[in-house]
Amino acid sequence: MEPTKAIRWFGPILLAFAIGATIAILVSAFAQSRLMSIEPETRQHIAAQAQSGKLERPPTVVTIEPARIEVIGRRRSSVFDTLADWLPQRGDAS
């Protein structure tokens, strides 16, 4: 692209990027404000259910078991390990 064409396209592309970034920021701020306004209602609803003794569903019992990990296979040696294997070790007769 010639320099004059590049300069001519730079302004509109920069403007489009700025408009897109502004829209993304505004949508994010709007979504966060809506979520913050809904959250207290949800907390109050749950608290009211707990106080009345009526829950929509019984509590779920969760048990956590320790993880058991078995390693199958062998890790590939790194480049440095491969180079170290090729080089003679101290005490080796060359």
PDB file of N, CA and C in Angstrom:
ATOM      1  N   MET A   1       0.842  -1.172   0.000  1.00  0.00           N
ATOM      2  CA  MET A   1       0.000   0.000   0.000  1.00  0.00           C
ATOM      3  C   MET A   1       0.890   1.239   0.000  1.00  0.00           C
ATOM      4  N   GLU A   2       0.529   2.219  -0.739  1.00  0.00           N
ATOM      5  CA  GLU A   2       1.305   3.457  -0.780  1.00  0.00           C
ATOM      6  C   GLU A   2       1.091   4.238   0.504  1.00  0.00           C
ATOM      7  N   PRO A   3       2.075   5.042   0.909  1.00  0.00           N
ATOM      8  CA  PRO A   3       1.942   5.798   2.157  1.00  0.00           C
ATOM      9  C   PRO A   3       0.720   6.707   2.182  1.00  0.00           C
ATOM     10  N   THR A   4       0.360   7.311   1.073  1.00  0.00           N
ATOM     11  CA  THR A   4      -0.787   8.223   1.075  1.00  0.00           C
ATOM     12  C   THR A   4      -2.080   7.458   1.295  1.00  0.00           C
ATOM     13  N   LYS A   5      -2.195   6.247   0.728  1.00  0.00           N
ATOM     14  CA  LYS A   5      -3.390   5.430   0.940  1.00  0.00           C
ATOM     15  C   LYS A   5      -3.453   4.945   2.382  1.00  0.00           C
ATOM     16  N   ALA A   6      -2.309   4.612   2.938  1.00  0.00           N
ATOM     17  CA  ALA A   6      -2.272   4.148   4.327  1.00  0.00           C
ATOM     18  C   ALA A   6      -2.713   5.259   5.274  1.00  0.00           C
ATOM     19  N   ILE A   7      -2.249   6.465   5.030  1.00  0.00           N
ATOM     20  CA  ILE A   7      -2.634   7.595   5.877  1.00  0.00           C
ATOM     21  C   ILE A   7      -4.125   7.886   5.722  1.00  0.00           C
ATOM     22  N   ARG A   8      -4.644   7.741   4.518  1.00  0.00           N
ATOM     23  CA  ARG A   8      -6.051   8.009   4.274  1.00  0.00           C
ATOM     24  C   ARG A   8      -6.945   6.994   4.986  1.00  0.00           C
ATOM     25  N   TRP A   9      -6.496   5.735   5.144  1.00  0.00           N
ATOM     26  CA  TRP A   9      -7.278   4.709   5.823  1.00  0.00           C
ATOM     27  C   TRP A   9      -7.098   4.718   7.337  1.00  0.00           C
ATOM     28  N   PHE A  10      -6.017   5.304   7.811  1.00  0.00           N
ATOM     29  CA  PHE A  10      -5.713   5.267   9.237  1.00  0.00           C
ATOM     30  C   PHE A  10      -6.777   5.966  10.082  1.00  0.00           C
ATOM     31  N   GLY A  11      -7.215   7.124   9.672  1.00  0.00           N
ATOM     32  CA  GLY A  11      -8.211   7.893  10.426  1.00  0.00           C
ATOM     33  C   GLY A  11      -9.530   7.154  10.606  1.00  0.00           C
ATOM     34  N   PRO A  12     -10.146   6.674   9.507  1.00  0.00           N
ATOM     35  CA  PRO A  12     -11.415   5.950   9.665  1.00  0.00           C
ATOM     36  C   PRO A  12     -11.281   4.658  10.482  1.00  0.00           C
ATOM     37  N   ILE A  13     -10.187   3.947  10.325  1.00  0.00           N
ATOM     38  CA  ILE A  13      -9.998   2.718  11.104  1.00  0.00           C
ATOM     39  C   ILE A  13      -9.839   3.056  12.575  1.00  0.00           C
ATOM     40  N   LEU A  14      -9.092   4.096  12.885  1.00  0.00           N
ATOM     41  CA  LEU A  14      -8.921   4.534  14.269  1.00  0.00           C
ATOM     42  C   LEU A  14     -10.264   4.978  14.856  1.00  0.00           C
ATOM     43  N   LEU A  15     -11.057   5.689  14.092  1.00  0.00           N
ATOM     44  CA  LEU A  15     -12.375   6.123  14.547  1.00  0.00           C
ATOM     45  C   LEU A  15     -13.294   4.927  14.801  1.00  0.00           C
ATOM     46  N   ALA A  16     -13.282   3.948  13.918  1.00  0.00           N
ATOM     47  CA  ALA A  16     -14.110   2.750  14.096  1.00  0.00           C
ATOM     48  C   ALA A  16     -13.683   1.985  15.345  1.00  0.00           C
ATOM     49  N   PHE A  17     -12.393   1.881  15.577  1.00  0.00           N
ATOM     50  CA  PHE A  17     -11.895   1.203  16.779  1.00  0.00           C
ATOM     51  C   PHE A  17     -12.335   1.947  18.034  1.00  0.00           C
ATOM     52  N   ALA A  18     -12.253   3.276  18.020  1.00  0.00           N
ATOM     53  CA  ALA A  18     -12.652   4.069  19.181  1.00  0.00           C
ATOM     54  C   ALA A  18     -14.152   3.913  19.459  1.00  0.00           C
ATOM     55  N   ILE A  19     -14.955   3.912  18.421  1.00  0.00           N
ATOM     56  CA  ILE A  19     -16.402   3.726  18.596  1.00  0.00           C
ATOM     57  C   ILE A  19     -16.697   2.327  19.151  1.00  0.00           C
ATOM     58  N   GLY A  20     -16.027   1.322  18.625  1.00  0.00           N
ATOM     59  CA  GLY A  20     -16.221  -0.045  19.111  1.00  0.00           C
ATOM     60  C   GLY A  20     -15.816  -0.195  20.572  1.00  0.00           C
ATOM     61  N   ALA A  21     -14.690   0.406  20.956  1.00  0.00           N
ATOM     62  CA  ALA A  21     -14.241   0.337  22.345  1.00  0.00           C
ATOM     63  C   ALA A  21     -15.221   1.058  23.268  1.00  0.00           C
ATOM     64  N   THR A  22     -15.738   2.197  22.828  1.00  0.00           N
ATOM     65  CA  THR A  22     -16.706   2.949  23.632  1.00  0.00           C
ATOM     66  C   THR A  22     -17.979   2.134  23.840  1.00  0.00           C
ATOM     67  N   ILE A  23     -18.461   1.499  22.788  1.00  0.00           N
ATOM     68  CA  ILE A  23     -19.666   0.676  22.903  1.00  0.00           C
ATOM     69  C   ILE A  23     -19.430  -0.491  23.853  1.00  0.00           C
ATOM     70  N   ALA A  24     -18.277  -1.128  23.760  1.00  0.00           N
ATOM     71  CA  ALA A  24     -17.968  -2.259  24.645  1.00  0.00           C
ATOM     72  C   ALA A  24     -17.923  -1.812  26.100  1.00  0.00           C
ATOM     73  N   ILE A  25     -17.334  -0.672  26.369  1.00  0.00           N
ATOM     74  CA  ILE A  25     -17.255  -0.161  27.745  1.00  0.00           C
ATOM     75  C   ILE A  25     -18.642   0.186  28.269  1.00  0.00           C
ATOM     76  N   LEU A  26     -19.467   0.834  27.447  1.00  0.00           N
ATOM     77  CA  LEU A  26     -20.814   1.205  27.882  1.00  0.00           C
ATOM     78  C   LEU A  26     -21.690  -0.021  28.134  1.00  0.00           C
ATOM     79  N   VAL A  27     -21.596  -1.031  27.275  1.00  0.00           N
ATOM     80  CA  VAL A  27     -22.379  -2.257  27.471  1.00  0.00           C
ATOM     81  C   VAL A  27     -21.934  -2.951  28.752  1.00  0.00           C
ATOM     82  N   SER A  28     -20.639  -2.992  29.004  1.00  0.00           N
ATOM     83  CA  SER A  28     -20.128  -3.619  30.216  1.00  0.00           C
ATOM     84  C   SER A  28     -20.620  -2.886  31.459  1.00  0.00           C
ATOM     85  N   ALA A  29     -20.571  -1.562  31.442  1.00  0.00           N
ATOM     86  CA  ALA A  29     -21.030  -0.777  32.592  1.00  0.00           C
ATOM     87  C   ALA A  29     -22.528  -0.966  32.804  1.00  0.00           C
ATOM     88  N   PHE A  30     -23.305  -1.007  31.736  1.00  0.00           N
ATOM     89  CA  PHE A  30     -24.744  -1.213  31.849  1.00  0.00           C
ATOM     90  C   PHE A  30     -25.051  -2.599  32.421  1.00  0.00           C
ATOM     91  N   ALA A  31     -24.354  -3.619  31.926  1.00  0.00           N
ATOM     92  CA  ALA A  31     -24.593  -4.984  32.412  1.00  0.00           C
ATOM     93  C   ALA A  31     -24.232  -5.102  33.891  1.00  0.00           C
ATOM     94  N   GLN A  32     -23.135  -4.491  34.311  1.00  0.00           N
ATOM     95  CA  GLN A  32     -22.745  -4.545  35.718  1.00  0.00           C
ATOM     96  C   GLN A  32     -23.766  -3.838  36.595  1.00  0.00           C
ATOM     97  N   SER A  33     -24.292  -2.701  36.153  1.00  0.00           N
ATOM     98  CA  SER A  33     -25.269  -1.985  36.970  1.00  0.00           C
ATOM     99  C   SER A  33     -26.567  -2.790  37.084  1.00  0.00           C
ATOM    100  N   ARG A  34     -26.966  -3.474  36.007  1.00  0.00           N
ATOM    101  CA  ARG A  34     -28.167  -4.309  36.059  1.00  0.00           C
ATOM    102  C   ARG A  34     -27.959  -5.491  36.998  1.00  0.00           C
ATOM    103  N   LEU A  35     -26.800  -6.101  36.960  1.00  0.00           N
ATOM    104  CA  LEU A  35     -26.533  -7.234  37.839  1.00  0.00           C
ATOM    105  C   LEU A  35     -26.504  -6.798  39.295  1.00  0.00           C
ATOM    106  N   MET A  36     -25.945  -5.627  39.574  1.00  0.00           N
ATOM    107  CA  MET A  36     -25.892  -5.136  40.945  1.00  0.00           C
ATOM    108  C   MET A  36     -27.286  -4.826  41.466  1.00  0.00           C
ATOM    109  N   SER A  37     -28.185  -4.362  40.589  1.00  0.00           N
ATOM    110  CA  SER A  37     -29.535  -4.033  41.045  1.00  0.00           C
ATOM    111  C   SER A  37     -30.367  -5.300  41.266  1.00  0.00           C
ATOM    112  N   ILE A  38     -30.054  -6.385  40.587  1.00  0.00           N
ATOM    113  CA  ILE A  38     -30.798  -7.634  40.730  1.00  0.00           C
ATOM    114  C   ILE A  38     -30.306  -8.435  41.936  1.00  0.00           C
ATOM    115  N   GLU A  39     -29.036  -8.322  42.273  1.00  0.00           N
ATOM    116  CA  GLU A  39     -28.447  -9.151  43.330  1.00  0.00           C
ATOM    117  C   GLU A  39     -29.136  -9.001  44.691  1.00  0.00           C
ATOM    118  N   PRO A  40     -29.429  -7.791  45.188  1.00  0.00           N
ATOM    119  CA  PRO A  40     -30.099  -7.704  46.492  1.00  0.00           C
ATOM    120  C   PRO A  40     -31.472  -8.380  46.510  1.00  0.00           C
ATOM    121  N   GLU A  41     -32.214  -8.316  45.414  1.00  0.00           N
ATOM    122  CA  GLU A  41     -33.517  -8.978  45.349  1.00  0.00           C
ATOM    123  C   GLU A  41     -33.359 -10.490  45.505  1.00  0.00           C
ATOM    124  N   THR A  42     -32.361 -11.046  44.869  1.00  0.00           N
ATOM    125  CA  THR A  42     -32.121 -12.485  44.964  1.00  0.00           C
ATOM    126  C   THR A  42     -31.753 -12.870  46.385  1.00  0.00           C
ATOM    127  N   ARG A  43     -30.879 -12.082  47.018  1.00  0.00           N
ATOM    128  CA  ARG A  43     -30.491 -12.372  48.396  1.00  0.00           C
ATOM    129  C   ARG A  43     -31.693 -12.297  49.331  1.00  0.00           C
ATOM    130  N   GLN A  44     -32.546 -11.288  49.142  1.00  0.00           N
ATOM    131  CA  GLN A  44     -33.726 -11.146  49.995  1.00  0.00           C
ATOM    132  C   GLN A  44     -34.682 -12.313  49.801  1.00  0.00           C
ATOM    133  N   HIS A  45     -34.832 -12.775  48.566  1.00  0.00           N
ATOM    134  CA  HIS A  45     -35.722 -13.894  48.275  1.00  0.00           C
ATOM    135  C   HIS A  45     -35.221 -15.160  48.973  1.00  0.00           C
ATOM    136  N   ILE A  46     -33.929 -15.415  48.899  1.00  0.00           N
ATOM    137  CA  ILE A  46     -33.362 -16.600  49.538  1.00  0.00           C
ATOM    138  C   ILE A  46     -33.484 -16.496  51.056  1.00  0.00           C
ATOM    139  N   ALA A  47     -33.207 -15.308  51.605  1.00  0.00           N
ATOM    140  CA  ALA A  47     -33.302 -15.125  53.050  1.00  0.00           C
ATOM    141  C   ALA A  47     -34.745 -15.312  53.517  1.00  0.00           C
ATOM    142  N   ALA A  48     -35.715 -14.826  52.760  1.00  0.00           N
ATOM    143  CA  ALA A  48     -37.128 -14.972  53.131  1.00  0.00           C
ATOM    144  C   ALA A  48     -37.533 -16.436  53.099  1.00  0.00           C
ATOM    145  N   GLN A  49     -37.063 -17.179  52.139  1.00  0.00           N
ATOM    146  CA  GLN A  49     -37.371 -18.605  52.071  1.00  0.00           C
ATOM    147  C   GLN A  49     -36.766 -19.338  53.259  1.00  0.00           C
ATOM    148  N   ALA A  50     -35.539 -18.998  53.620  1.00  0.00           N
ATOM    149  CA  ALA A  50     -34.878 -19.674  54.735  1.00  0.00           C
ATOM    150  C   ALA A  50     -35.589 -19.373  56.053  1.00  0.00           C
ATOM    151  N   GLN A  51     -36.066 -18.149  56.235  1.00  0.00           N
ATOM    152  CA  GLN A  51     -36.746 -17.783  57.477  1.00  0.00           C
ATOM    153  C   GLN A  51     -38.114 -18.454  57.567  1.00  0.00           C
ATOM    154  N   SER A  52     -38.801 -18.608  56.460  1.00  0.00           N
ATOM    155  CA  SER A  52     -40.132 -19.208  56.493  1.00  0.00           C
ATOM    156  C   SER A  52     -40.061 -20.730  56.589  1.00  0.00           C
ATOM    157  N   GLY A  53     -38.903 -21.299  56.350  1.00  0.00           N
ATOM    158  CA  GLY A  53     -38.757 -22.747  56.421  1.00  0.00           C
ATOM    159  C   GLY A  53     -39.162 -23.446  55.143  1.00  0.00           C
ATOM    160  N   LYS A  54     -39.594 -22.689  54.140  1.00  0.00           N
ATOM    161  CA  LYS A  54     -39.975 -23.276  52.858  1.00  0.00           C
ATOM    162  C   LYS A  54     -38.843 -23.046  51.867  1.00  0.00           C
ATOM    163  N   LEU A  55     -38.200 -24.092  51.481  1.00  0.00           N
ATOM    164  CA  LEU A  55     -37.176 -23.990  50.455  1.00  0.00           C
ATOM    165  C   LEU A  55     -37.710 -24.625  49.184  1.00  0.00           C
ATOM    166  N   GLU A  56     -37.325 -24.081  48.054  1.00  0.00           N
ATOM    167  CA  GLU A  56     -37.805 -24.608  46.783  1.00  0.00           C
ATOM    168  C   GLU A  56     -37.352 -26.045  46.571  1.00  0.00           C
ATOM    169  N   ARG A  57     -36.168 -26.359  47.037  1.00  0.00           N
ATOM    170  CA  ARG A  57     -35.673 -27.730  46.932  1.00  0.00           C
ATOM    171  C   ARG A  57     -34.816 -28.022  48.157  1.00  0.00           C
ATOM    172  N   PRO A  58     -34.745 -29.253  48.565  1.00  0.00           N
ATOM    173  CA  PRO A  58     -33.948 -29.576  49.755  1.00  0.00           C
ATOM    174  C   PRO A  58     -32.465 -29.347  49.481  1.00  0.00           C
ATOM    175  N   PRO A  59     -31.691 -29.096  50.519  1.00  0.00           N
ATOM    176  CA  PRO A  59     -30.266 -28.874  50.308  1.00  0.00           C
ATOM    177  C   PRO A  59     -29.580 -30.136  49.769  1.00  0.00           C
ATOM    178  N   THR A  60     -28.600 -29.933  48.945  1.00  0.00           N
ATOM    179  CA  THR A  60     -27.863 -31.031  48.346  1.00  0.00           C
ATOM    180  C   THR A  60     -26.656 -31.363  49.211  1.00  0.00           C
ATOM    181  N   VAL A  61     -26.485 -32.632  49.513  1.00  0.00           N
ATOM    182  CA  VAL A  61     -25.344 -33.068  50.309  1.00  0.00           C
ATOM    183  C   VAL A  61     -24.188 -33.320  49.357  1.00  0.00           C
ATOM    184  N   VAL A  62     -23.063 -32.705  49.663  1.00  0.00           N
ATOM    185  CA  VAL A  62     -21.890 -32.820  48.804  1.00  0.00           C
ATOM    186  C   VAL A  62     -20.759 -33.428  49.608  1.00  0.00           C
ATOM    187  N   THR A  63     -20.128 -34.454  49.066  1.00  0.00           N
ATOM    188  CA  THR A  63     -18.951 -35.031  49.708  1.00  0.00           C
ATOM    189  C   THR A  63     -17.755 -34.821  48.791  1.00  0.00           C
ATOM    190  N   ILE A  64     -16.654 -34.498  49.401  1.00  0.00           N
ATOM    191  CA  ILE A  64     -15.429 -34.245  48.636  1.00  0.00           C
ATOM    192  C   ILE A  64     -14.453 -35.367  48.948  1.00  0.00           C
ATOM    193  N   GLU A  65     -14.043 -36.052  47.923  1.00  0.00           N
ATOM    194  CA  GLU A  65     -13.083 -37.135  48.082  1.00  0.00           C
ATOM    195  C   GLU A  65     -11.721 -36.665  47.613  1.00  0.00           C
ATOM    196  N   PRO A  66     -10.658 -37.157  48.245  1.00  0.00           N
ATOM    197  CA  PRO A  66      -9.325 -36.749  47.805  1.00  0.00           C
ATOM    198  C   PRO A  66      -9.046 -37.241  46.381  1.00  0.00           C
ATOM    199  N   ALA A  67      -8.307 -36.458  45.666  1.00  0.00           N
ATOM    200  CA  ALA A  67      -8.007 -36.786  44.276  1.00  0.00           C
ATOM    201  C   ALA A  67      -6.986 -37.914  44.209  1.00  0.00           C
ATOM    202  N   ARG A  68      -7.137 -38.738  43.197  1.00  0.00           N
ATOM    203  CA  ARG A  68      -6.185 -39.823  42.970  1.00  0.00           C
ATOM    204  C   ARG A  68      -5.691 -39.659  41.547  1.00  0.00           C
ATOM    205  N   ILE A  69      -4.436 -39.361  41.410  1.00  0.00           N
ATOM    206  CA  ILE A  69      -3.879 -39.081  40.094  1.00  0.00           C
ATOM    207  C   ILE A  69      -2.845 -40.163  39.774  1.00  0.00           C
ATOM    208  N   GLU A  70      -3.017 -40.789  38.646  1.00  0.00           N
ATOM    209  CA  GLU A  70      -2.049 -41.771  38.178  1.00  0.00           C
ATOM    210  C   GLU A  70      -1.417 -41.233  36.907  1.00  0.00           C
ATOM    211  N   VAL A  71      -0.104 -41.248  36.883  1.00  0.00           N
ATOM    212  CA  VAL A  71       0.611 -40.755  35.715  1.00  0.00           C
ATOM    213  C   VAL A  71       0.933 -41.940  34.820  1.00  0.00           C
ATOM    214  N   ILE A  72       0.476 -41.870  33.614  1.00  0.00           N
ATOM    215  CA  ILE A  72       0.734 -42.928  32.640  1.00  0.00           C
ATOM    216  C   ILE A  72       1.622 -42.330  31.560  1.00  0.00           C
ATOM    217  N   GLY A  73       2.707 -42.980  31.302  1.00  0.00           N
ATOM    218  CA  GLY A  73       3.608 -42.488  30.266  1.00  0.00           C
ATOM    219  C   GLY A  73       4.820 -41.819  30.874  1.00  0.00           C
ATOM    220  N   ARG A  74       5.610 -41.235  30.023  1.00  0.00           N
ATOM    221  CA  ARG A  74       6.845 -40.609  30.466  1.00  0.00           C
ATOM    222  C   ARG A  74       6.945 -39.233  29.838  1.00  0.00           C
ATOM    223  N   ARG A  75       7.386 -38.305  30.621  1.00  0.00           N
ATOM    224  CA  ARG A  75       7.529 -36.943  30.129  1.00  0.00           C
ATOM    225  C   ARG A  75       8.715 -36.860  29.189  1.00  0.00           C
ATOM    226  N   ARG A  76       8.533 -36.161  28.101  1.00  0.00           N
ATOM    227  CA  ARG A  76       9.634 -35.983  27.156  1.00  0.00           C
ATOM    228  C   ARG A  76      10.709 -35.138  27.795  1.00  0.00           C
ATOM    229  N   SER A  77      11.932 -35.460  27.508  1.00  0.00           N
ATOM    230  CA  SER A  77      13.027 -34.678  28.072  1.00  0.00           C
ATOM    231  C   SER A  77      13.116 -33.348  27.339  1.00  0.00           C
ATOM    232  N   SER A  78      13.567 -32.350  28.061  1.00  0.00           N
ATOM    233  CA  SER A  78      13.663 -31.023  27.461  1.00  0.00           C
ATOM    234  C   SER A  78      14.885 -30.945  26.557  1.00  0.00           C
ATOM    235  N   VAL A  79      14.982 -29.869  25.837  1.00  0.00           N
ATOM    236  CA  VAL A  79      16.124 -29.648  24.947  1.00  0.00           C
ATOM    237  C   VAL A  79      17.407 -29.610  25.761  1.00  0.00           C
ATOM    238  N   PHE A  80      17.353 -29.000  26.942  1.00  0.00           N
ATOM    239  CA  PHE A  80      18.549 -28.892  27.770  1.00  0.00           C
ATOM    240  C   PHE A  80      18.996 -30.260  28.275  1.00  0.00           C
ATOM    241  N   ASP A  81      18.036 -31.113  28.631  1.00  0.00           N
ATOM    242  CA  ASP A  81      18.395 -32.469  29.068  1.00  0.00           C
ATOM    243  C   ASP A  81      19.008 -33.260  27.928  1.00  0.00           C
ATOM    244  N   THR A  82      18.479 -33.098  26.738  1.00  0.00           N
ATOM    245  CA  THR A  82      19.023 -33.799  25.575  1.00  0.00           C
ATOM    246  C   THR A  82      20.445 -33.338  25.298  1.00  0.00           C
ATOM    247  N   LEU A  83      20.669 -32.011  25.362  1.00  0.00           N
ATOM    248  CA  LEU A  83      22.026 -31.500  25.150  1.00  0.00           C
ATOM    249  C   LEU A  83      22.976 -31.991  26.234  1.00  0.00           C
ATOM    250  N   ALA A  84      22.518 -32.045  27.475  1.00  0.00           N
ATOM    251  CA  ALA A  84      23.354 -32.518  28.567  1.00  0.00           C
ATOM    252  C   ALA A  84      23.716 -33.989  28.376  1.00  0.00           C
ATOM    253  N   ASP A  85      22.812 -34.773  27.809  1.00  0.00           N
ATOM    254  CA  ASP A  85      23.107 -36.180  27.544  1.00  0.00           C
ATOM    255  C   ASP A  85      24.161 -36.325  26.454  1.00  0.00           C
ATOM    256  N   TRP A  86      24.163 -35.417  25.483  1.00  0.00           N
ATOM    257  CA  TRP A  86      25.136 -35.496  24.402  1.00  0.00           C
ATOM    258  C   TRP A  86      26.520 -35.059  24.845  1.00  0.00           C
ATOM    259  N   LEU A  87      26.598 -34.118  25.765  1.00  0.00           N
ATOM    260  CA  LEU A  87      27.893 -33.612  26.213  1.00  0.00           C
ATOM    261  C   LEU A  87      28.543 -34.606  27.167  1.00  0.00           C
ATOM    262  N   PRO A  88      29.861 -34.698  27.121  1.00  0.00           N
ATOM    263  CA  PRO A  88      30.534 -35.608  28.054  1.00  0.00           C
ATOM    264  C   PRO A  88      30.419 -35.092  29.480  1.00  0.00           C
ATOM    265  N   GLN A  89      30.237 -36.017  30.421  1.00  0.00           N
ATOM    266  CA  GLN A  89      30.114 -35.661  31.827  1.00  0.00           C
ATOM    267  C   GLN A  89      31.500 -35.497  32.435  1.00  0.00           C
ATOM    268  N   ARG A  90      31.600 -34.798  33.542  1.00  0.00           N
ATOM    269  CA  ARG A  90      32.890 -34.657  34.216  1.00  0.00           C
ATOM    270  C   ARG A  90      33.373 -36.033  34.665  1.00  0.00           C
ATOM    271  N   GLY A  91      34.619 -36.254  34.481  1.00  0.00           N
ATOM    272  CA  GLY A  91      35.190 -37.527  34.888  1.00  0.00           C
ATOM    273  C   GLY A  91      35.164 -38.560  33.772  1.00  0.00           C
ATOM    274  N   ASP A  92      34.410 -38.267  32.707  1.00  0.00           N
ATOM    275  CA  ASP A  92      34.404 -39.194  31.569  1.00  0.00           C
ATOM    276  C   ASP A  92      35.687 -39.021  30.775  1.00  0.00           C
ATOM    277  N   ALA A  93      36.223 -40.113  30.299  1.00  0.00           N
ATOM    278  CA  ALA A  93      37.416 -40.035  29.452  1.00  0.00           C
ATOM    279  C   ALA A  93      36.962 -39.785  28.026  1.00  0.00           C
ATOM    280  N   SER A  94      37.496 -38.741  27.399  1.00  0.00           N
ATOM    281  CA  SER A  94      37.093 -38.424  26.043  1.00  0.00           C
ATOM    282  C   SER A  94      38.122 -38.916  25.064  1.00  0.00           C
TER     283      SER A  94
END
